[in-house]
Amino acid sequence: MLELTESAQKELAAFFEGKEKSTIRVYLAPGGCSGPHLALALDAATDEDMSEDQGGFTFCINKELLAQVEGVKIDLSYAGFTVEPTVPLPQTGGGCSGCSGGCGH
């Protein structure tokens, strides 16, 4: 279900240093111009989630979302964590024509 890169694992270890580790949720965040995207948050797992331990951390994701994306790769970029689905998310809405404030026009 989940691939955690070494750089992302090191960043998570630094974040939790001196703190109790919490479950990390992979969730579908709404997106403006670019549409919905996967993101991370600290949250407890529920009965509707699949949980997996990876790199010393526990991750959870909604079972229906996991069925859609088939898997997730968590990496680190200059802008923070990136969460990429194995299967691309369907693009609903979004698009620059509906954005106010400019989307690179």
C-alpha atoms as a PDB file:
ATOM      1  CA  MET A   1       0.000   0.000   0.000  1.00  0.00           C
ATOM      2  CA  LEU A   2       2.667   2.507   0.992  1.00  0.00           C
ATOM      3  CA  GLU A   3       6.182   3.439  -0.030  1.00  0.00           C
ATOM      4  CA  LEU A   4       8.086   5.793   2.261  1.00  0.00           C
ATOM      5  CA  THR A   5      11.323   7.186   0.851  1.00  0.00           C
ATOM      6  CA  GLU A   6      14.411   7.483   3.015  1.00  0.00           C
ATOM      7  CA  SER A   7      14.340  11.299   2.892  1.00  0.00           C
ATOM      8  CA  ALA A   8      10.672  11.385   3.998  1.00  0.00           C
ATOM      9  CA  GLN A   9      11.416   8.901   6.782  1.00  0.00           C
ATOM     10  CA  LYS A  10      14.278  11.084   8.067  1.00  0.00           C
ATOM     11  CA  GLU A  11      12.055  14.185   8.016  1.00  0.00           C
ATOM     12  CA  LEU A  12       9.319  12.377   9.967  1.00  0.00           C
ATOM     13  CA  ALA A  13      11.897  11.141  12.495  1.00  0.00           C
ATOM     14  CA  ALA A  14      13.105  14.733  12.982  1.00  0.00           C
ATOM     15  CA  PHE A  15       9.506  15.962  13.384  1.00  0.00           C
ATOM     16  CA  PHE A  16       8.664  13.367  16.041  1.00  0.00           C
ATOM     17  CA  GLU A  17      11.987  13.656  17.897  1.00  0.00           C
ATOM     18  CA  GLY A  18      11.182  14.033  21.594  1.00  0.00           C
ATOM     19  CA  LYS A  19       7.441  13.576  20.917  1.00  0.00           C
ATOM     20  CA  GLU A  20       5.118  10.610  21.032  1.00  0.00           C
ATOM     21  CA  LYS A  21       4.533   9.243  17.534  1.00  0.00           C
ATOM     22  CA  SER A  22       0.993   9.652  16.233  1.00  0.00           C
ATOM     23  CA  THR A  23      -0.724   7.829  13.400  1.00  0.00           C
ATOM     24  CA  ILE A  24      -0.272   9.654  10.094  1.00  0.00           C
ATOM     25  CA  ARG A  25      -3.352   9.797   7.879  1.00  0.00           C
ATOM     26  CA  VAL A  26      -3.158   9.896   4.096  1.00  0.00           C
ATOM     27  CA  TYR A  27      -6.273  11.753   2.946  1.00  0.00           C
ATOM     28  CA  LEU A  28      -7.820  13.380  -0.092  1.00  0.00           C
ATOM     29  CA  ALA A  29      -7.532  17.148   0.221  1.00  0.00           C
ATOM     30  CA  PRO A  30      -9.611  19.466  -1.947  1.00  0.00           C
ATOM     31  CA  GLY A  31      -7.586  21.410  -4.456  1.00  0.00           C
ATOM     32  CA  GLY A  32      -8.285  24.664  -6.189  1.00  0.00           C
ATOM     33  CA  CYS A  33      -6.935  24.932  -9.709  1.00  0.00           C
ATOM     34  CA  SER A  34      -5.048  21.664  -9.585  1.00  0.00           C
ATOM     35  CA  GLY A  35      -7.938  19.567  -8.305  1.00  0.00           C
ATOM     36  CA  PRO A  36      -7.910  17.197  -5.328  1.00  0.00           C
ATOM     37  CA  HIS A  37      -4.604  15.795  -4.095  1.00  0.00           C
ATOM     38  CA  LEU A  38      -3.337  13.447  -1.409  1.00  0.00           C
ATOM     39  CA  ALA A  39      -1.995  14.964   1.793  1.00  0.00           C
ATOM     40  CA  LEU A  40      -0.857  13.968   5.296  1.00  0.00           C
ATOM     41  CA  ALA A  41      -2.264  14.773   8.733  1.00  0.00           C
ATOM     42  CA  LEU A  42      -1.924  13.416  12.254  1.00  0.00           C
ATOM     43  CA  ASP A  43      -5.100  11.474  13.029  1.00  0.00           C
ATOM     44  CA  ALA A  44      -6.295   8.253  14.657  1.00  0.00           C
ATOM     45  CA  ALA A  45      -7.335   5.333  12.460  1.00  0.00           C
ATOM     46  CA  THR A  46     -10.982   4.244  12.332  1.00  0.00           C
ATOM     47  CA  ASP A  47     -12.731   1.010  11.328  1.00  0.00           C
ATOM     48  CA  GLU A  48     -13.018   2.406   7.793  1.00  0.00           C
ATOM     49  CA  ASP A  49      -9.227   2.665   7.438  1.00  0.00           C
ATOM     50  CA  MET A  50      -6.405   0.388   6.437  1.00  0.00           C
ATOM     51  CA  SER A  51      -3.304   0.823   8.606  1.00  0.00           C
ATOM     52  CA  GLU A  52       0.298  -0.009   7.784  1.00  0.00           C
ATOM     53  CA  ASP A  53       3.589   0.385   9.615  1.00  0.00           C
ATOM     54  CA  GLN A  54       6.401   1.739   7.476  1.00  0.00           C
ATOM     55  CA  GLY A  55       9.815   3.012   8.549  1.00  0.00           C
ATOM     56  CA  GLY A  56       8.843   3.036  12.223  1.00  0.00           C
ATOM     57  CA  PHE A  57       5.655   5.044  11.618  1.00  0.00           C
ATOM     58  CA  THR A  58       2.007   4.024  11.420  1.00  0.00           C
ATOM     59  CA  PHE A  59       0.015   5.294   8.454  1.00  0.00           C
ATOM     60  CA  CYS A  60      -3.710   4.978   7.815  1.00  0.00           C
ATOM     61  CA  ILE A  61      -5.856   5.589   4.750  1.00  0.00           C
ATOM     62  CA  ASN A  62      -9.570   5.211   4.115  1.00  0.00           C
ATOM     63  CA  LYS A  63     -10.210   1.813   2.496  1.00  0.00           C
ATOM     64  CA  GLU A  64     -12.317   3.332  -0.315  1.00  0.00           C
ATOM     65  CA  LEU A  65      -9.612   5.894  -1.109  1.00  0.00           C
ATOM     66  CA  LEU A  66      -6.974   3.157  -1.081  1.00  0.00           C
ATOM     67  CA  ALA A  67      -9.063   1.123  -3.546  1.00  0.00           C
ATOM     68  CA  GLN A  68      -9.076   4.156  -5.887  1.00  0.00           C
ATOM     69  CA  VAL A  69      -5.362   4.969  -5.704  1.00  0.00           C
ATOM     70  CA  GLU A  70      -4.073   1.385  -5.188  1.00  0.00           C
ATOM     71  CA  GLY A  71      -1.039   2.653  -3.288  1.00  0.00           C
ATOM     72  CA  VAL A  72       0.841   5.745  -2.180  1.00  0.00           C
ATOM     73  CA  LYS A  73       4.429   6.994  -2.357  1.00  0.00           C
ATOM     74  CA  ILE A  74       5.473   9.532   0.287  1.00  0.00           C
ATOM     75  CA  ASP A  75       8.575  11.547  -0.539  1.00  0.00           C
ATOM     76  CA  LEU A  76      10.155  14.851   0.405  1.00  0.00           C
ATOM     77  CA  SER A  77      10.673  17.827  -1.901  1.00  0.00           C
ATOM     78  CA  TYR A  78      11.906  21.384  -1.417  1.00  0.00           C
ATOM     79  CA  ALA A  79       8.308  22.351  -0.571  1.00  0.00           C
ATOM     80  CA  GLY A  80       7.653  19.584   1.978  1.00  0.00           C
ATOM     81  CA  PHE A  81       6.101  16.149   1.735  1.00  0.00           C
ATOM     82  CA  THR A  82       4.742  14.873  -1.559  1.00  0.00           C
ATOM     83  CA  VAL A  83       2.077  12.164  -1.539  1.00  0.00           C
ATOM     84  CA  GLU A  84       1.632  10.529  -4.923  1.00  0.00           C
ATOM     85  CA  PRO A  85      -0.984   7.886  -5.745  1.00  0.00           C
ATOM     86  CA  THR A  86      -0.023   4.750  -7.692  1.00  0.00           C
ATOM     87  CA  VAL A  87      -3.069   5.315  -9.909  1.00  0.00           C
ATOM     88  CA  PRO A  88      -3.740   8.989 -10.774  1.00  0.00           C
ATOM     89  CA  LEU A  89      -6.725  10.610  -9.126  1.00  0.00           C
ATOM     90  CA  PRO A  90      -9.648  11.450 -11.390  1.00  0.00           C
ATOM     91  CA  GLN A  91      -9.646  15.159 -12.148  1.00  0.00           C
ATOM     92  CA  THR A  92     -12.966  16.604 -11.113  1.00  0.00           C
ATOM     93  CA  GLY A  93     -13.575  20.303 -11.284  1.00  0.00           C
ATOM     94  CA  GLY A  94     -10.451  22.373 -10.932  1.00  0.00           C
ATOM     95  CA  GLY A  95      -8.976  23.883 -14.033  1.00  0.00           C
ATOM     96  CA  CYS A  96      -7.738  27.409 -14.309  1.00  0.00           C
ATOM     97  CA  SER A  97     -10.886  28.755 -15.928  1.00  0.00           C
ATOM     98  CA  GLY A  98     -12.666  28.714 -12.559  1.00  0.00           C
ATOM     99  CA  CYS A  99      -9.892  30.245 -10.470  1.00  0.00           C
ATOM    100  CA  SER A 100      -9.907  33.771  -9.205  1.00  0.00           C
ATOM    101  CA  GLY A 101      -6.650  35.511  -8.546  1.00  0.00           C
ATOM    102  CA  GLY A 102      -4.877  33.863 -11.463  1.00  0.00           C
ATOM    103  CA  CYS A 103      -3.549  30.393 -12.039  1.00  0.00           C
ATOM    104  CA  GLY A 104      -0.657  31.115 -14.301  1.00  0.00           C
ATOM    105  CA  HIS A 105      -2.629  32.781 -17.100  1.00  0.00           C
END
